[in-house]
Amino acid sequence: MEKPVYILGIESSCDDTSASVICNAKVLSNIVANQEIHSKYGGVVPELASRAHQQNIVPVVQQAIEQANITKEDLSAIAFTRGPGLMGSLLVGTSFAKSLALGLKVPLIDVNHMQAHILSHFIEDASSKMPPFPFICLTISGGHTQIVKVTNYFKMEVLGETIDDAVGEAFDKSAKILGLKYPGGPLIDKHAALGNPKAFAFTKPKVGDLDFSFSGLKTGVLYFIQKQVKLNPKFIEENLNDICASIQYTIVEILMDKLKNAVKQTGIKHIAIAGGVSANSEIRNRLQLAEKHFGWTTYIPKFEYTTDNAAMIAITGYLKYLNNDYSGVSVTAKARLKVTE
């Protein structure tokens, strides 16, 4: 019988410290320490994020190894997020992973955070089915909005991406305009469920067939709210559910329009989503409807594998391990890293 491969994944690209142990493609543990401190600032403060990673990383890794019921000596390799992300946060994970790999004399594997979001679909229990190659992945998060054509595990091509704000920013900034707490995306989703999506019309930005733009929408929401509040100071509280539903409807319409264009151009009907915003209920709902309407097959990962988590780093590390694709200790964190790098 072949010896099991145990990979420890470490994720520290933004404000969550996470560690995960997988055995082959099966998750044994996936621990995430959230950083509550940022909510009072209405966004992630990089300096505070890297300090919190320093406090969290040892207990989080310890807990992941204990929960997996193995010892650190059982580990076959250490995988970590090299980028993209906040430089200070990435440095904490990178230096920790290097030290641990050196101490245990096991291979070190650097992982591209954006590839990991896409490859989270290949975790054994990530969803009921894994997408076949080639497939199209809509990667949507606080920092990224991309349509990626995935030909194999490590051959990816960006078909379209945002030219300004990411979709997660559009949700969070709209929420801030409405006076909702950070992170605002999930709150918009919650209020939208109770509102009328056609109550207010917001214009969709005009950019290329596959590219996205959300800054104009955000400005449109701001001007609309300012104008209405002047006429009626209680406008937001009286119409909150309808406003949220209308904003969410517009954002999801933009995403679906681009996906339809991507399918038309490539002929690929296997559509996956990845990234934190793929937890949004309306996006999931619309993708399921697209299966009926357009004959697509859609792949929606389990909720815990959509946000920043180390299980996706570990599965990517495992796939690279099978290819003997290791990094040297001279590898450095990179805040800006394209999905194709």
Foldseek 3Di string as FASTA:
>chain_A
DDDWAWEWFWEFFFQKTWIWIATQLETQDWDIDGDPVCQVVLDGDLVVRLVVNLVPHVVRHVVNCVSSVHDLLSHQEYEYEQDAHRQSRRQSGLVVRLVSCVVSVHFYAYDHQQLLQVQCLRRPVFDPDHDDPFEWEFEAEQAWTFIWTRHDSQDIDTPETEPDGTLQCLQCLLQVLLVHIPPRNVVLLVLLVVADQVPDAFDADDDDLQYHYRPNSSVRSNVVVVVVCVVPVCVCVVHVSHSSNNSVVNSLVRVVSSVVSVCVVPVHQEYEYAAQSLVRPVNVVVVVVCCVVVVHHYHYTDNVSRYRIRSSSRNSVSVCVVVVNGDDSVRHRDNDDDSND
